[in-house]
N, C-alpha and C. Protein backbone atom coordinates (compact mmCIF):
# COMPACT_ATOMS: atom_id res chain seq x y z
N MET A 1 28.53 -22.57 -2.99
CA MET A 1 27.99 -21.58 -3.42
C MET A 1 26.69 -21.27 -3.56
N ASN A 2 25.85 -20.24 -3.55
CA ASN A 2 24.61 -20.18 -3.57
C ASN A 2 23.92 -20.16 -5.05
N SER A 3 22.86 -20.87 -5.55
CA SER A 3 22.28 -20.49 -6.77
C SER A 3 21.38 -19.53 -6.81
N PRO A 4 21.20 -18.73 -7.77
CA PRO A 4 20.52 -17.27 -8.05
C PRO A 4 19.03 -17.47 -7.23
N ASP A 5 18.64 -18.77 -7.37
CA ASP A 5 17.36 -19.06 -6.47
C ASP A 5 17.16 -18.79 -5.20
N THR A 6 18.75 -19.00 -4.63
CA THR A 6 18.54 -19.28 -3.20
C THR A 6 19.42 -18.31 -2.51
N ASP A 7 20.02 -17.26 -3.18
CA ASP A 7 20.73 -15.94 -2.69
C ASP A 7 19.86 -15.29 -1.71
N THR A 8 20.29 -15.45 -0.54
CA THR A 8 19.62 -14.58 0.56
C THR A 8 20.44 -13.04 0.51
N ASN A 9 21.17 -13.00 -0.04
CA ASN A 9 21.43 -11.31 -0.21
C ASN A 9 20.86 -10.43 -0.85
N ALA A 10 19.87 -11.05 -2.01
CA ALA A 10 19.20 -10.44 -2.87
C ALA A 10 18.34 -9.53 -2.31
N ALA A 11 18.24 -8.35 -2.82
CA ALA A 11 17.43 -7.15 -2.35
C ALA A 11 15.64 -7.52 -2.87
N ALA A 12 15.16 -7.28 -1.69
CA ALA A 12 13.61 -7.25 -1.89
C ALA A 12 13.19 -6.52 -3.12
N PRO A 13 12.12 -6.80 -3.84
CA PRO A 13 11.86 -6.00 -4.87
C PRO A 13 11.34 -4.67 -4.30
N ALA A 14 11.47 -3.66 -4.99
CA ALA A 14 10.87 -2.34 -4.63
C ALA A 14 9.29 -2.24 -4.60
N PRO A 15 8.68 -1.67 -3.68
CA PRO A 15 7.04 -1.70 -3.78
C PRO A 15 6.81 -0.83 -4.85
N THR A 16 5.67 -1.31 -5.33
CA THR A 16 5.14 -0.51 -6.77
C THR A 16 3.83 -0.07 -6.39
N CYS A 17 3.07 0.66 -7.02
CA CYS A 17 2.13 1.75 -7.23
C CYS A 17 0.73 0.25 -7.43
N SER A 18 -0.25 0.71 -6.48
CA SER A 18 -1.48 -0.33 -6.67
C SER A 18 -2.44 -0.04 -7.73
N ALA A 19 -2.16 0.82 -8.56
CA ALA A 19 -2.97 1.47 -9.67
C ALA A 19 -2.99 0.21 -10.85
N LYS A 20 -4.01 -0.09 -11.21
CA LYS A 20 -3.99 -1.15 -12.37
C LYS A 20 -3.23 -0.75 -13.55
N GLY A 21 -1.98 -1.65 -13.81
CA GLY A 21 -1.17 -1.32 -14.78
C GLY A 21 -0.06 -0.68 -14.59
N CYS A 22 0.04 -0.16 -13.24
CA CYS A 22 1.02 0.86 -13.21
C CYS A 22 2.45 0.25 -12.31
N ARG A 23 3.47 0.10 -12.79
CA ARG A 23 4.54 -0.57 -12.12
C ARG A 23 6.07 0.59 -11.60
N ASP A 24 5.27 1.86 -11.22
CA ASP A 24 6.00 3.14 -10.88
C ASP A 24 6.23 2.45 -9.33
N ALA A 25 7.25 2.87 -8.85
CA ALA A 25 8.00 3.09 -7.58
C ALA A 25 6.67 3.50 -6.76
N ALA A 26 6.54 2.94 -5.25
CA ALA A 26 5.43 3.17 -4.50
C ALA A 26 5.93 4.58 -3.78
N VAL A 27 5.30 5.36 -3.42
CA VAL A 27 5.72 6.46 -2.66
C VAL A 27 4.72 7.00 -1.45
N TRP A 28 3.38 6.57 -1.61
CA TRP A 28 2.43 6.86 -0.70
C TRP A 28 1.88 5.47 -0.07
N VAL A 29 1.30 5.48 0.83
CA VAL A 29 0.44 4.38 1.64
C VAL A 29 -0.71 4.90 1.83
N LEU A 30 -1.91 4.44 1.48
CA LEU A 30 -3.05 5.17 1.16
C LEU A 30 -3.76 3.91 2.30
N ALA A 31 -3.92 4.04 3.49
CA ALA A 31 -4.82 3.38 4.69
C ALA A 31 -6.27 3.38 4.70
N TRP A 32 -6.75 2.40 4.55
CA TRP A 32 -8.08 2.38 4.14
C TRP A 32 -8.85 0.98 5.04
N ASN A 33 -10.48 1.17 5.21
CA ASN A 33 -10.85 0.08 5.72
C ASN A 33 -12.20 0.47 5.10
N ASN A 34 -13.09 -0.98 5.27
CA ASN A 34 -14.64 -1.05 4.80
C ASN A 34 -15.46 -1.36 6.06
N PRO A 35 -15.95 -0.36 6.57
CA PRO A 35 -16.57 -0.44 7.84
C PRO A 35 -17.81 -1.51 7.69
N THR A 36 -18.41 -1.71 6.64
CA THR A 36 -19.11 -3.23 6.82
C THR A 36 -18.58 -4.37 6.65
N LEU A 37 -17.30 -4.54 6.39
CA LEU A 37 -16.25 -5.72 6.61
C LEU A 37 -15.15 -5.79 7.72
N HIS A 38 -14.82 -4.80 7.91
CA HIS A 38 -13.52 -4.56 9.17
C HIS A 38 -13.96 -3.85 10.23
N THR A 39 -13.24 -4.04 11.32
CA THR A 39 -13.43 -3.66 12.39
C THR A 39 -12.61 -2.15 12.50
N PRO A 40 -13.19 -1.31 13.23
CA PRO A 40 -12.81 0.14 13.03
C PRO A 40 -11.44 0.21 12.89
N GLN A 41 -10.67 -0.33 13.88
CA GLN A 41 -9.15 -0.28 13.88
C GLN A 41 -8.26 -0.74 12.64
N ARG A 42 -8.92 -2.03 11.93
CA ARG A 42 -8.30 -2.57 10.83
C ARG A 42 -7.76 -1.72 9.82
N ARG A 43 -6.73 -1.82 9.13
CA ARG A 43 -6.26 -0.96 8.09
C ARG A 43 -5.74 -1.80 6.79
N LYS A 44 -6.37 -1.67 5.66
CA LYS A 44 -5.75 -2.39 4.45
C LYS A 44 -4.96 -1.50 4.09
N THR A 45 -3.96 -1.67 3.15
CA THR A 45 -3.28 -0.37 2.54
C THR A 45 -3.06 -0.75 0.97
N TRP A 46 -3.22 0.23 0.18
CA TRP A 46 -3.06 0.59 -1.20
C TRP A 46 -1.45 1.38 -1.20
N LEU A 47 -0.61 0.94 -2.14
CA LEU A 47 0.61 1.84 -2.39
C LEU A 47 0.31 2.81 -3.63
N ALA A 48 0.53 3.73 -3.67
CA ALA A 48 0.37 4.69 -4.82
C ALA A 48 1.61 5.46 -5.34
N CYS A 49 2.03 5.64 -6.63
CA CYS A 49 3.27 6.44 -6.98
C CYS A 49 2.43 7.94 -6.72
N GLU A 50 3.08 8.90 -7.16
CA GLU A 50 2.93 10.39 -7.24
C GLU A 50 1.86 10.55 -8.30
N GLU A 51 1.67 9.77 -9.37
CA GLU A 51 0.88 10.35 -10.44
C GLU A 51 -0.41 9.60 -9.66
N HIS A 52 -0.42 8.41 -9.30
CA HIS A 52 -2.11 8.05 -8.94
C HIS A 52 -2.41 8.38 -7.42
N ARG A 53 -1.60 8.65 -6.69
CA ARG A 53 -1.94 9.07 -5.25
C ARG A 53 -3.51 9.89 -5.29
N GLU A 54 -3.37 10.81 -5.67
CA GLU A 54 -4.97 11.62 -5.72
C GLU A 54 -6.11 10.69 -6.48
N HIS A 55 -5.76 10.23 -7.77
CA HIS A 55 -6.95 9.41 -7.91
C HIS A 55 -7.30 8.46 -7.04
N LEU A 56 -6.41 7.30 -6.54
CA LEU A 56 -6.62 6.19 -5.75
C LEU A 56 -7.46 6.95 -4.52
N SER A 57 -6.79 7.91 -3.86
CA SER A 57 -7.27 8.45 -2.69
C SER A 57 -9.04 8.86 -2.91
N GLN A 58 -9.07 9.76 -4.21
CA GLN A 58 -10.69 9.85 -4.42
C GLN A 58 -11.35 8.72 -4.69
N PHE A 59 -10.89 7.42 -5.13
CA PHE A 59 -11.52 6.64 -5.31
C PHE A 59 -12.09 5.90 -3.86
N LEU A 60 -11.23 5.79 -2.86
CA LEU A 60 -11.47 5.66 -1.52
C LEU A 60 -12.22 6.41 -0.63
N GLY A 61 -12.03 7.78 -1.06
CA GLY A 61 -12.78 8.81 -0.45
C GLY A 61 -14.21 8.68 -0.58
N VAL A 62 -14.57 8.72 -1.88
CA VAL A 62 -16.04 8.72 -2.07
C VAL A 62 -16.82 7.56 -1.26
N ARG A 63 -15.93 6.74 -1.05
CA ARG A 63 -16.73 5.37 -0.61
C ARG A 63 -16.66 5.22 0.84
N GLY A 64 -16.04 6.15 1.45
CA GLY A 64 -15.90 6.42 2.88
C GLY A 64 -14.65 5.43 3.45
N PHE A 65 -13.86 5.12 2.79
CA PHE A 65 -12.85 4.03 3.13
C PHE A 65 -11.79 4.43 3.38
N LEU A 66 -11.22 5.68 2.94
CA LEU A 66 -9.70 6.20 3.13
C LEU A 66 -9.83 6.91 4.47
N LYS A 67 -8.55 6.57 5.35
CA LYS A 67 -8.41 6.63 6.54
C LYS A 67 -7.26 7.50 6.77
N ASP A 68 -5.91 7.43 6.05
CA ASP A 68 -5.05 8.12 6.28
C ASP A 68 -4.34 7.73 4.58
N VAL A 69 -3.32 8.95 4.46
CA VAL A 69 -2.53 9.17 3.43
C VAL A 69 -1.23 9.35 4.20
N VAL A 70 -0.23 8.46 3.85
CA VAL A 70 1.18 8.64 4.46
C VAL A 70 2.19 8.30 3.74
N LYS A 71 3.29 9.17 3.74
CA LYS A 71 4.45 8.93 2.97
C LYS A 71 4.98 7.21 3.19
N LEU A 72 5.63 6.67 2.30
CA LEU A 72 5.79 5.31 2.47
C LEU A 72 6.90 5.26 3.39
N GLY A 73 8.02 5.90 3.28
CA GLY A 73 8.95 5.76 4.07
C GLY A 73 8.80 6.28 5.68
N GLU A 74 7.54 6.71 6.06
CA GLU A 74 7.02 7.06 7.37
C GLU A 74 5.76 6.40 7.75
N TRP A 75 5.36 5.22 7.23
CA TRP A 75 4.23 4.17 7.54
C TRP A 75 4.64 3.13 8.51
N VAL A 76 4.00 3.47 9.33
CA VAL A 76 3.91 2.12 10.70
C VAL A 76 2.82 1.26 10.44
N GLN A 77 3.07 0.23 9.80
CA GLN A 77 1.80 -0.52 9.57
C GLN A 77 1.11 -1.36 11.23
N PRO A 78 -0.22 -0.86 11.52
CA PRO A 78 -0.68 -1.19 12.72
C PRO A 78 -1.05 -2.81 12.65
N GLU A 79 -0.77 -2.92 13.88
CA GLU A 79 -1.10 -4.55 13.95
C GLU A 79 -2.64 -5.07 13.42
N GLY A 80 -2.42 -6.02 12.91
CA GLY A 80 -3.88 -6.48 11.83
C GLY A 80 -4.15 -5.86 10.96
N SER A 81 -3.04 -5.21 10.09
CA SER A 81 -3.20 -4.61 8.98
C SER A 81 -2.71 -5.58 7.95
N GLU A 82 -2.80 -5.36 6.78
CA GLU A 82 -2.64 -5.81 5.53
C GLU A 82 -2.50 -4.89 4.38
N ARG A 83 -1.47 -5.32 3.37
CA ARG A 83 -1.54 -4.92 1.90
C ARG A 83 -2.69 -5.45 1.37
N SER A 84 -3.21 -4.74 0.37
CA SER A 84 -4.24 -5.23 -0.22
C SER A 84 -3.47 -5.42 -1.97
């Protein structure tokens, strides 16, 4: 019998919003990169709930970092990308 710590059938935790202090379910993927640090094709990601999508998008957008906003279920992570 498996102990609770080794149960391989346990569901992975649902992705949550990247906004500070928010634990709501993520609905959006905000793909971004900092051109002074990353190659043009690299994408880092933040996840956002409905409430924080616009705020996080604006934060990245004013810095010129935001590259794409995609529904979580439609996101295909490019090779070399990572969640921040």
